[in-house]
């Protein structure tokens, strides 16, 4: 099973599940819920999390 990441605020989803954490971080930036500091470290606002979530894929026949 593959895992992706989703931006959540106090457990409520704010964006779709993304394939990688970089895309989820960009969602947080677009939503103004996170950003990069001057040293390039990523931070999130209080209550916001990048939660790992399973990515469901269709089974091959």
C-alpha atoms as a PDB file:
ATOM      1  CA  UNK A   1       0.000   0.000   0.000  1.00  0.00           C
ATOM      2  CA  UNK A   2       1.284   3.451  -0.919  1.00  0.00           C
ATOM      3  CA  UNK A   3       1.047   6.459   1.349  1.00  0.00           C
ATOM      4  CA  UNK A   4       0.695  10.125   0.528  1.00  0.00           C
ATOM      5  CA  UNK A   5       0.188  13.271   2.575  1.00  0.00           C
ATOM      6  CA  UNK A   6      -2.743  15.607   3.140  1.00  0.00           C
ATOM      7  CA  UNK A   7      -2.995  19.021   4.798  1.00  0.00           C
ATOM      8  CA  UNK A   8      -5.383  18.890   7.753  1.00  0.00           C
ATOM      9  CA  UNK A   9      -6.522  21.510  10.257  1.00  0.00           C
ATOM     10  CA  UNK A  10      -7.470  19.944  13.601  1.00  0.00           C
ATOM     11  CA  UNK A  11      -8.186  16.683  11.760  1.00  0.00           C
ATOM     12  CA  UNK A  12     -10.331  18.262   9.015  1.00  0.00           C
ATOM     13  CA  UNK A  13      -8.940  17.816   5.474  1.00  0.00           C
ATOM     14  CA  UNK A  14      -8.093  21.019   3.617  1.00  0.00           C
ATOM     15  CA  UNK A  15      -6.590  19.530   0.455  1.00  0.00           C
ATOM     16  CA  UNK A  16      -6.517  16.231  -1.428  1.00  0.00           C
ATOM     17  CA  UNK A  17      -4.033  13.467  -0.663  1.00  0.00           C
ATOM     18  CA  UNK A  18      -0.810  14.132  -2.545  1.00  0.00           C
ATOM     19  CA  UNK A  19       1.745  11.593  -3.754  1.00  0.00           C
ATOM     20  CA  UNK A  20       4.602  13.188  -1.841  1.00  0.00           C
ATOM     21  CA  UNK A  21       5.264  15.560   1.016  1.00  0.00           C
ATOM     22  CA  UNK A  22       6.606  18.305  -1.274  1.00  0.00           C
ATOM     23  CA  UNK A  23       3.226  18.616  -2.990  1.00  0.00           C
ATOM     24  CA  UNK A  24       1.444  18.644   0.378  1.00  0.00           C
ATOM     25  CA  UNK A  25       3.779  21.400   1.590  1.00  0.00           C
ATOM     26  CA  UNK A  26       2.922  23.458  -1.500  1.00  0.00           C
ATOM     27  CA  UNK A  27      -0.791  22.969  -0.688  1.00  0.00           C
ATOM     28  CA  UNK A  28      -0.143  24.355   2.806  1.00  0.00           C
ATOM     29  CA  UNK A  29       1.680  27.360   1.334  1.00  0.00           C
ATOM     30  CA  UNK A  30      -1.166  28.024  -1.154  1.00  0.00           C
ATOM     31  CA  UNK A  31      -3.663  27.814   1.721  1.00  0.00           C
ATOM     32  CA  UNK A  32      -1.493  30.234   3.762  1.00  0.00           C
ATOM     33  CA  UNK A  33      -1.202  27.600   6.496  1.00  0.00           C
ATOM     34  CA  UNK A  34       2.564  27.130   6.227  1.00  0.00           C
ATOM     35  CA  UNK A  35       5.708  28.518   4.632  1.00  0.00           C
ATOM     36  CA  UNK A  36       9.476  28.267   4.458  1.00  0.00           C
ATOM     37  CA  UNK A  37      11.632  30.404   6.724  1.00  0.00           C
ATOM     38  CA  UNK A  38      14.781  32.248   5.628  1.00  0.00           C
ATOM     39  CA  UNK A  39      16.866  29.119   6.309  1.00  0.00           C
ATOM     40  CA  UNK A  40      14.647  26.993   4.072  1.00  0.00           C
ATOM     41  CA  UNK A  41      12.941  25.102   6.913  1.00  0.00           C
ATOM     42  CA  UNK A  42       9.257  24.379   6.468  1.00  0.00           C
ATOM     43  CA  UNK A  43       6.806  25.300   9.215  1.00  0.00           C
ATOM     44  CA  UNK A  44       3.048  24.997   9.705  1.00  0.00           C
ATOM     45  CA  UNK A  45       0.575  27.155  11.589  1.00  0.00           C
ATOM     46  CA  UNK A  46      -0.839  25.920  14.884  1.00  0.00           C
ATOM     47  CA  UNK A  47      -3.364  23.119  14.399  1.00  0.00           C
ATOM     48  CA  UNK A  48      -2.203  22.287  10.872  1.00  0.00           C
ATOM     49  CA  UNK A  49      -0.618  18.915  10.119  1.00  0.00           C
ATOM     50  CA  UNK A  50       0.662  17.019   7.103  1.00  0.00           C
ATOM     51  CA  UNK A  51      -0.923  13.654   7.796  1.00  0.00           C
ATOM     52  CA  UNK A  52       0.157  10.448   6.048  1.00  0.00           C
ATOM     53  CA  UNK A  53      -2.814   8.805   4.355  1.00  0.00           C
ATOM     54  CA  UNK A  54      -3.093   5.599   2.314  1.00  0.00           C
ATOM     55  CA  UNK A  55      -3.474   6.063  -1.428  1.00  0.00           C
ATOM     56  CA  UNK A  56      -6.029   3.631  -2.769  1.00  0.00           C
ATOM     57  CA  UNK A  57      -5.276   2.224  -6.173  1.00  0.00           C
ATOM     58  CA  UNK A  58      -7.404   0.039  -8.391  1.00  0.00           C
ATOM     59  CA  UNK A  59      -6.422  -3.616  -8.414  1.00  0.00           C
ATOM     60  CA  UNK A  60      -5.308  -5.089 -11.723  1.00  0.00           C
ATOM     61  CA  UNK A  61      -7.656  -7.681 -13.163  1.00  0.00           C
END
